[in-house]
Amino acid sequence: MVADPDPTAIGRVIERFQNLNVVPRRVSAEFAANDRLYIEVDVFGLTEEQLSLVASKIGQGVSIYHAHWHRLD
């Protein structure tokens, strides 16, 4: 996810997984020189449909510029 450097952005992203009762394996966030916050969440046990829905909901957030998911093999 790419977000404004808003201190609540990370919590709002994690909240979407909490709503599904999913504990992420890893969460990382990096504040970049372009004044954007890059957030990465690693999860398992969700279907592609669920991941697409979560990414869509996260992308609707006020300070979120972009949200997508991809599978790691």
PDB file of N, CA and C in Angstrom:
ATOM      1  N   MET A   1       0.830  -1.151   0.000  1.00  0.00           N
ATOM      2  CA  MET A   1       0.000   0.000   0.000  1.00  0.00           C
ATOM      3  C   MET A   1       0.886   1.230   0.000  1.00  0.00           C
ATOM      4  N   VAL A   2       0.387   2.279  -0.612  1.00  0.00           N
ATOM      5  CA  VAL A   2       1.075   3.564  -0.607  1.00  0.00           C
ATOM      6  C   VAL A   2       0.115   4.563   0.018  1.00  0.00           C
ATOM      7  N   ALA A   3       0.592   5.279   1.029  1.00  0.00           N
ATOM      8  CA  ALA A   3      -0.281   6.174   1.776  1.00  0.00           C
ATOM      9  C   ALA A   3       0.410   7.496   2.073  1.00  0.00           C
ATOM     10  N   ASP A   4      -0.401   8.460   2.477  1.00  0.00           N
ATOM     11  CA  ASP A   4       0.147   9.691   3.038  1.00  0.00           C
ATOM     12  C   ASP A   4       0.905   9.324   4.308  1.00  0.00           C
ATOM     13  N   PRO A   5       1.851  10.165   4.714  1.00  0.00           N
ATOM     14  CA  PRO A   5       2.575   9.879   5.957  1.00  0.00           C
ATOM     15  C   PRO A   5       1.699  10.192   7.173  1.00  0.00           C
ATOM     16  N   ASP A   6       0.597   9.501   7.267  1.00  0.00           N
ATOM     17  CA  ASP A   6      -0.382   9.685   8.332  1.00  0.00           C
ATOM     18  C   ASP A   6      -0.133   8.629   9.411  1.00  0.00           C
ATOM     19  N   PRO A   7       0.008   9.030  10.675  1.00  0.00           N
ATOM     20  CA  PRO A   7       0.310   8.053  11.720  1.00  0.00           C
ATOM     21  C   PRO A   7      -0.781   7.010  11.929  1.00  0.00           C
ATOM     22  N   THR A   8      -1.988   7.259  11.453  1.00  0.00           N
ATOM     23  CA  THR A   8      -3.061   6.278  11.626  1.00  0.00           C
ATOM     24  C   THR A   8      -3.183   5.307  10.449  1.00  0.00           C
ATOM     25  N   ALA A   9      -2.424   5.517   9.385  1.00  0.00           N
ATOM     26  CA  ALA A   9      -2.550   4.691   8.179  1.00  0.00           C
ATOM     27  C   ALA A   9      -2.227   3.223   8.451  1.00  0.00           C
ATOM     28  N   ILE A  10      -1.183   2.950   9.208  1.00  0.00           N
ATOM     29  CA  ILE A  10      -0.793   1.563   9.471  1.00  0.00           C
ATOM     30  C   ILE A  10      -1.904   0.842  10.240  1.00  0.00           C
ATOM     31  N   GLY A  11      -2.442   1.480  11.246  1.00  0.00           N
ATOM     32  CA  GLY A  11      -3.520   0.880  12.029  1.00  0.00           C
ATOM     33  C   GLY A  11      -4.760   0.602  11.199  1.00  0.00           C
ATOM     34  N   ARG A  12      -5.092   1.518  10.284  1.00  0.00           N
ATOM     35  CA  ARG A  12      -6.267   1.311   9.435  1.00  0.00           C
ATOM     36  C   ARG A  12      -6.062   0.150   8.476  1.00  0.00           C
ATOM     37  N   VAL A  13      -4.846  -0.030   7.998  1.00  0.00           N
ATOM     38  CA  VAL A  13      -4.546  -1.163   7.118  1.00  0.00           C
ATOM     39  C   VAL A  13      -4.668  -2.471   7.893  1.00  0.00           C
ATOM     40  N   ILE A  14      -4.062  -2.540   9.069  1.00  0.00           N
ATOM     41  CA  ILE A  14      -4.105  -3.750   9.884  1.00  0.00           C
ATOM     42  C   ILE A  14      -5.533  -4.070  10.326  1.00  0.00           C
ATOM     43  N   GLU A  15      -6.334  -3.044  10.543  1.00  0.00           N
ATOM     44  CA  GLU A  15      -7.716  -3.236  10.974  1.00  0.00           C
ATOM     45  C   GLU A  15      -8.509  -4.085   9.984  1.00  0.00           C
ATOM     46  N   ARG A  16      -8.244  -3.938   8.706  1.00  0.00           N
ATOM     47  CA  ARG A  16      -8.962  -4.737   7.698  1.00  0.00           C
ATOM     48  C   ARG A  16      -8.704  -6.227   7.872  1.00  0.00           C
ATOM     49  N   PHE A  17      -7.496  -6.597   8.278  1.00  0.00           N
ATOM     50  CA  PHE A  17      -7.189  -8.003   8.521  1.00  0.00           C
ATOM     51  C   PHE A  17      -7.777  -8.456   9.859  1.00  0.00           C
ATOM     52  N   GLN A  18      -7.794  -7.567  10.827  1.00  0.00           N
ATOM     53  CA  GLN A  18      -8.393  -7.866  12.127  1.00  0.00           C
ATOM     54  C   GLN A  18      -9.867  -8.198  11.957  1.00  0.00           C
ATOM     55  N   ASN A  19     -10.555  -7.486  11.073  1.00  0.00           N
ATOM     56  CA  ASN A  19     -11.971  -7.746  10.825  1.00  0.00           C
ATOM     57  C   ASN A  19     -12.212  -9.168  10.324  1.00  0.00           C
ATOM     58  N   LEU A  20     -11.201  -9.768   9.687  1.00  0.00           N
ATOM     59  CA  LEU A  20     -11.290 -11.145   9.192  1.00  0.00           C
ATOM     60  C   LEU A  20     -10.693 -12.151  10.181  1.00  0.00           C
ATOM     61  N   ASN A  21     -10.285 -11.653  11.355  1.00  0.00           N
ATOM     62  CA  ASN A  21      -9.656 -12.477  12.381  1.00  0.00           C
ATOM     63  C   ASN A  21      -8.365 -13.117  11.862  1.00  0.00           C
ATOM     64  N   VAL A  22      -7.584 -12.334  11.116  1.00  0.00           N
ATOM     65  CA  VAL A  22      -6.325 -12.785  10.533  1.00  0.00           C
ATOM     66  C   VAL A  22      -5.172 -12.012  11.170  1.00  0.00           C
ATOM     67  N   VAL A  23      -4.177 -12.748  11.656  1.00  0.00           N
ATOM     68  CA  VAL A  23      -2.971 -12.130  12.195  1.00  0.00           C
ATOM     69  C   VAL A  23      -1.914 -12.158  11.098  1.00  0.00           C
ATOM     70  N   PRO A  24      -1.442 -10.990  10.644  1.00  0.00           N
ATOM     71  CA  PRO A  24      -0.411 -10.969   9.597  1.00  0.00           C
ATOM     72  C   PRO A  24       0.879 -11.630  10.080  1.00  0.00           C
ATOM     73  N   ARG A  25       1.561 -12.277   9.148  1.00  0.00           N
ATOM     74  CA  ARG A  25       2.864 -12.878   9.462  1.00  0.00           C
ATOM     75  C   ARG A  25       3.915 -11.797   9.665  1.00  0.00           C
ATOM     76  N   ARG A  26       3.792 -10.712   8.858  1.00  0.00           N
ATOM     77  CA  ARG A  26       4.783  -9.631   8.934  1.00  0.00           C
ATOM     78  C   ARG A  26       4.127  -8.354   8.442  1.00  0.00           C
ATOM     79  N   VAL A  27       4.485  -7.250   9.086  1.00  0.00           N
ATOM     80  CA  VAL A  27       4.039  -5.927   8.659  1.00  0.00           C
ATOM     81  C   VAL A  27       5.270  -5.038   8.641  1.00  0.00           C
ATOM     82  N   SER A  28       5.464  -4.322   7.541  1.00  0.00           N
ATOM     83  CA  SER A  28       6.572  -3.377   7.488  1.00  0.00           C
ATOM     84  C   SER A  28       6.078  -2.071   6.866  1.00  0.00           C
ATOM     85  N   ALA A  29       6.669  -0.995   7.310  1.00  0.00           N
ATOM     86  CA  ALA A  29       6.312   0.321   6.788  1.00  0.00           C
ATOM     87  C   ALA A  29       7.582   1.137   6.633  1.00  0.00           C
ATOM     88  N   GLU A  30       7.636   1.891   5.554  1.00  0.00           N
ATOM     89  CA  GLU A  30       8.813   2.710   5.286  1.00  0.00           C
ATOM     90  C   GLU A  30       8.358   4.080   4.803  1.00  0.00           C
ATOM     91  N   PHE A  31       8.868   5.112   5.461  1.00  0.00           N
ATOM     92  CA  PHE A  31       8.605   6.479   5.042  1.00  0.00           C
ATOM     93  C   PHE A  31       9.669   6.846   4.018  1.00  0.00           C
ATOM     94  N   ALA A  32       9.241   7.157   2.809  1.00  0.00           N
ATOM     95  CA  ALA A  32      10.174   7.393   1.711  1.00  0.00           C
ATOM     96  C   ALA A  32      10.446   8.892   1.521  1.00  0.00           C
ATOM     97  N   ALA A  33      11.472   9.181   0.734  1.00  0.00           N
ATOM     98  CA  ALA A  33      11.872  10.564   0.464  1.00  0.00           C
ATOM     99  C   ALA A  33      10.803  11.336  -0.309  1.00  0.00           C
ATOM    100  N   ASN A  34       9.889  10.632  -0.965  1.00  0.00           N
ATOM    101  CA  ASN A  34       8.829  11.300  -1.729  1.00  0.00           C
ATOM    102  C   ASN A  34       7.610  11.617  -0.860  1.00  0.00           C
ATOM    103  N   ASP A  35       7.794  11.615   0.460  1.00  0.00           N
ATOM    104  CA  ASP A  35       6.720  11.913   1.418  1.00  0.00           C
ATOM    105  C   ASP A  35       5.550  10.939   1.315  1.00  0.00           C
ATOM    106  N   ARG A  36       5.843   9.687   1.051  1.00  0.00           N
ATOM    107  CA  ARG A  36       4.837   8.642   1.015  1.00  0.00           C
ATOM    108  C   ARG A  36       5.227   7.555   2.011  1.00  0.00           C
ATOM    109  N   LEU A  37       4.214   6.897   2.547  1.00  0.00           N
ATOM    110  CA  LEU A  37       4.415   5.784   3.457  1.00  0.00           C
ATOM    111  C   LEU A  37       4.106   4.501   2.697  1.00  0.00           C
ATOM    112  N   TYR A  38       5.059   3.593   2.613  1.00  0.00           N
ATOM    113  CA  TYR A  38       4.886   2.318   1.924  1.00  0.00           C
ATOM    114  C   TYR A  38       4.670   1.245   2.983  1.00  0.00           C
ATOM    115  N   ILE A  39       3.541   0.553   2.903  1.00  0.00           N
ATOM    116  CA  ILE A  39       3.171  -0.456   3.897  1.00  0.00           C
ATOM    117  C   ILE A  39       3.049  -1.799   3.197  1.00  0.00           C
ATOM    118  N   GLU A  40       3.689  -2.807   3.773  1.00  0.00           N
ATOM    119  CA  GLU A  40       3.627  -4.158   3.232  1.00  0.00           C
ATOM    120  C   GLU A  40       3.135  -5.095   4.332  1.00  0.00           C
ATOM    121  N   VAL A  41       2.160  -5.946   3.999  1.00  0.00           N
ATOM    122  CA  VAL A  41       1.587  -6.886   4.954  1.00  0.00           C
ATOM    123  C   VAL A  41       1.658  -8.282   4.346  1.00  0.00           C
ATOM    124  N   ASP A  42       2.289  -9.211   5.055  1.00  0.00           N
ATOM    125  CA  ASP A  42       2.347 -10.610   4.616  1.00  0.00           C
ATOM    126  C   ASP A  42       1.310 -11.402   5.403  1.00  0.00           C
ATOM    127  N   VAL A  43       0.420 -12.080   4.677  1.00  0.00           N
ATOM    128  CA  VAL A  43      -0.613 -12.903   5.310  1.00  0.00           C
ATOM    129  C   VAL A  43      -0.674 -14.255   4.616  1.00  0.00           C
ATOM    130  N   PHE A  44      -1.324 -15.205   5.258  1.00  0.00           N
ATOM    131  CA  PHE A  44      -1.564 -16.508   4.643  1.00  0.00           C
ATOM    132  C   PHE A  44      -2.957 -16.968   5.045  1.00  0.00           C
ATOM    133  N   GLY A  45      -3.491 -17.914   4.300  1.00  0.00           N
ATOM    134  CA  GLY A  45      -4.781 -18.483   4.637  1.00  0.00           C
ATOM    135  C   GLY A  45      -5.980 -17.727   4.091  1.00  0.00           C
ATOM    136  N   LEU A  46      -5.755 -16.769   3.202  1.00  0.00           N
ATOM    137  CA  LEU A  46      -6.856 -16.038   2.587  1.00  0.00           C
ATOM    138  C   LEU A  46      -6.957 -16.403   1.112  1.00  0.00           C
ATOM    139  N   THR A  47      -8.171 -16.440   0.616  1.00  0.00           N
ATOM    140  CA  THR A  47      -8.374 -16.711  -0.804  1.00  0.00           C
ATOM    141  C   THR A  47      -8.057 -15.462  -1.619  1.00  0.00           C
ATOM    142  N   GLU A  48      -7.905 -15.646  -2.913  1.00  0.00           N
ATOM    143  CA  GLU A  48      -7.673 -14.496  -3.793  1.00  0.00           C
ATOM    144  C   GLU A  48      -8.844 -13.522  -3.731  1.00  0.00           C
ATOM    145  N   GLU A  49     -10.048 -14.063  -3.611  1.00  0.00           N
ATOM    146  CA  GLU A  49     -11.234 -13.205  -3.515  1.00  0.00           C
ATOM    147  C   GLU A  49     -11.182 -12.348  -2.250  1.00  0.00           C
ATOM    148  N   GLN A  50     -10.806 -12.954  -1.138  1.00  0.00           N
ATOM    149  CA  GLN A  50     -10.704 -12.211   0.115  1.00  0.00           C
ATOM    150  C   GLN A  50      -9.618 -11.136   0.028  1.00  0.00           C
ATOM    151  N   LEU A  51      -8.477 -11.489  -0.556  1.00  0.00           N
ATOM    152  CA  LEU A  51      -7.391 -10.526  -0.692  1.00  0.00           C
ATOM    153  C   LEU A  51      -7.788  -9.357  -1.591  1.00  0.00           C
ATOM    154  N   SER A  52      -8.496  -9.648  -2.660  1.00  0.00           N
ATOM    155  CA  SER A  52      -8.961  -8.582  -3.552  1.00  0.00           C
ATOM    156  C   SER A  52      -9.924  -7.653  -2.820  1.00  0.00           C
ATOM    157  N   LEU A  53     -10.804  -8.220  -2.007  1.00  0.00           N
ATOM    158  CA  LEU A  53     -11.745  -7.412  -1.247  1.00  0.00           C
ATOM    159  C   LEU A  53     -11.024  -6.541  -0.217  1.00  0.00           C
ATOM    160  N   VAL A  54     -10.068  -7.122   0.496  1.00  0.00           N
ATOM    161  CA  VAL A  54      -9.302  -6.367   1.486  1.00  0.00           C
ATOM    162  C   VAL A  54      -8.545  -5.230   0.805  1.00  0.00           C
ATOM    163  N   ALA A  55      -7.870  -5.513  -0.303  1.00  0.00           N
ATOM    164  CA  ALA A  55      -7.125  -4.470  -1.020  1.00  0.00           C
ATOM    165  C   ALA A  55      -8.064  -3.368  -1.499  1.00  0.00           C
ATOM    166  N   SER A  56      -9.233  -3.742  -1.969  1.00  0.00           N
ATOM    167  CA  SER A  56     -10.214  -2.753  -2.425  1.00  0.00           C
ATOM    168  C   SER A  56     -10.662  -1.866  -1.270  1.00  0.00           C
ATOM    169  N   LYS A  57     -10.959  -2.463  -0.126  1.00  0.00           N
ATOM    170  CA  LYS A  57     -11.397  -1.699   1.046  1.00  0.00           C
ATOM    171  C   LYS A  57     -10.287  -0.775   1.541  1.00  0.00           C
ATOM    172  N   ILE A  58      -9.061  -1.284   1.580  1.00  0.00           N
ATOM    173  CA  ILE A  58      -7.933  -0.451   2.009  1.00  0.00           C
ATOM    174  C   ILE A  58      -7.757   0.718   1.044  1.00  0.00           C
ATOM    175  N   GLY A  59      -7.878   0.450  -0.259  1.00  0.00           N
ATOM    176  CA  GLY A  59      -7.720   1.487  -1.271  1.00  0.00           C
ATOM    177  C   GLY A  59      -8.744   2.603  -1.182  1.00  0.00           C
ATOM    178  N   GLN A  60      -9.865   2.352  -0.510  1.00  0.00           N
ATOM    179  CA  GLN A  60     -10.887   3.376  -0.337  1.00  0.00           C
ATOM    180  C   GLN A  60     -10.559   4.342   0.799  1.00  0.00           C
ATOM    181  N   GLY A  61      -9.517   4.050   1.549  1.00  0.00           N
ATOM    182  CA  GLY A  61      -9.144   4.898   2.681  1.00  0.00           C
ATOM    183  C   GLY A  61      -8.760   6.301   2.237  1.00  0.00           C
ATOM    184  N   VAL A  62      -8.985   7.246   3.119  1.00  0.00           N
ATOM    185  CA  VAL A  62      -8.762   8.656   2.805  1.00  0.00           C
ATOM    186  C   VAL A  62      -7.320   8.951   2.421  1.00  0.00           C
ATOM    187  N   SER A  63      -6.370   8.413   3.156  1.00  0.00           N
ATOM    188  CA  SER A  63      -4.962   8.759   2.908  1.00  0.00           C
ATOM    189  C   SER A  63      -4.231   7.709   2.076  1.00  0.00           C
ATOM    190  N   ILE A  64      -4.950   6.744   1.523  1.00  0.00           N
ATOM    191  CA  ILE A  64      -4.333   5.663   0.748  1.00  0.00           C
ATOM    192  C   ILE A  64      -4.326   6.033  -0.735  1.00  0.00           C
ATOM    193  N   TYR A  65      -3.149   5.982  -1.354  1.00  0.00           N
ATOM    194  CA  TYR A  65      -3.022   6.262  -2.786  1.00  0.00           C
ATOM    195  C   TYR A  65      -3.208   5.017  -3.637  1.00  0.00           C
ATOM    196  N   HIS A  66      -2.708   3.884  -3.134  1.00  0.00           N
ATOM    197  CA  HIS A  66      -2.717   2.665  -3.946  1.00  0.00           C
ATOM    198  C   HIS A  66      -2.656   1.453  -3.025  1.00  0.00           C
ATOM    199  N   ALA A  67      -3.454   0.447  -3.337  1.00  0.00           N
ATOM    200  CA  ALA A  67      -3.411  -0.813  -2.588  1.00  0.00           C
ATOM    201  C   ALA A  67      -3.580  -1.966  -3.570  1.00  0.00           C
ATOM    202  N   HIS A  68      -2.725  -2.944  -3.467  1.00  0.00           N
ATOM    203  CA  HIS A  68      -2.840  -4.133  -4.318  1.00  0.00           C
ATOM    204  C   HIS A  68      -2.243  -5.320  -3.557  1.00  0.00           C
ATOM    205  N   TRP A  69      -2.458  -6.503  -4.079  1.00  0.00           N
ATOM    206  CA  TRP A  69      -1.877  -7.696  -3.495  1.00  0.00           C
ATOM    207  C   TRP A  69      -1.220  -8.509  -4.580  1.00  0.00           C
ATOM    208  N   HIS A  70      -0.273  -9.326  -4.176  1.00  0.00           N
ATOM    209  CA  HIS A  70       0.340 -10.293  -5.103  1.00  0.00           C
ATOM    210  C   HIS A  70       0.787 -11.510  -4.317  1.00  0.00           C
ATOM    211  N   ARG A  71       0.752 -12.625  -4.983  1.00  0.00           N
ATOM    212  CA  ARG A  71       1.107 -13.911  -4.373  1.00  0.00           C
ATOM    213  C   ARG A  71       2.624 -14.109  -4.417  1.00  0.00           C
ATOM    214  N   LEU A  72       3.158 -14.602  -3.313  1.00  0.00           N
ATOM    215  CA  LEU A  72       4.561 -14.990  -3.263  1.00  0.00           C
ATOM    216  C   LEU A  72       4.631 -16.501  -3.313  1.00  0.00           C
ATOM    217  N   ASP A  73       5.380 -17.029  -4.228  1.00  0.00           N
ATOM    218  CA  ASP A  73       5.517 -18.501  -4.357  1.00  0.00           C
ATOM    219  C   ASP A  73       6.828 -18.961  -3.792  1.00  0.00           C
TER     220      ASP A  73
END
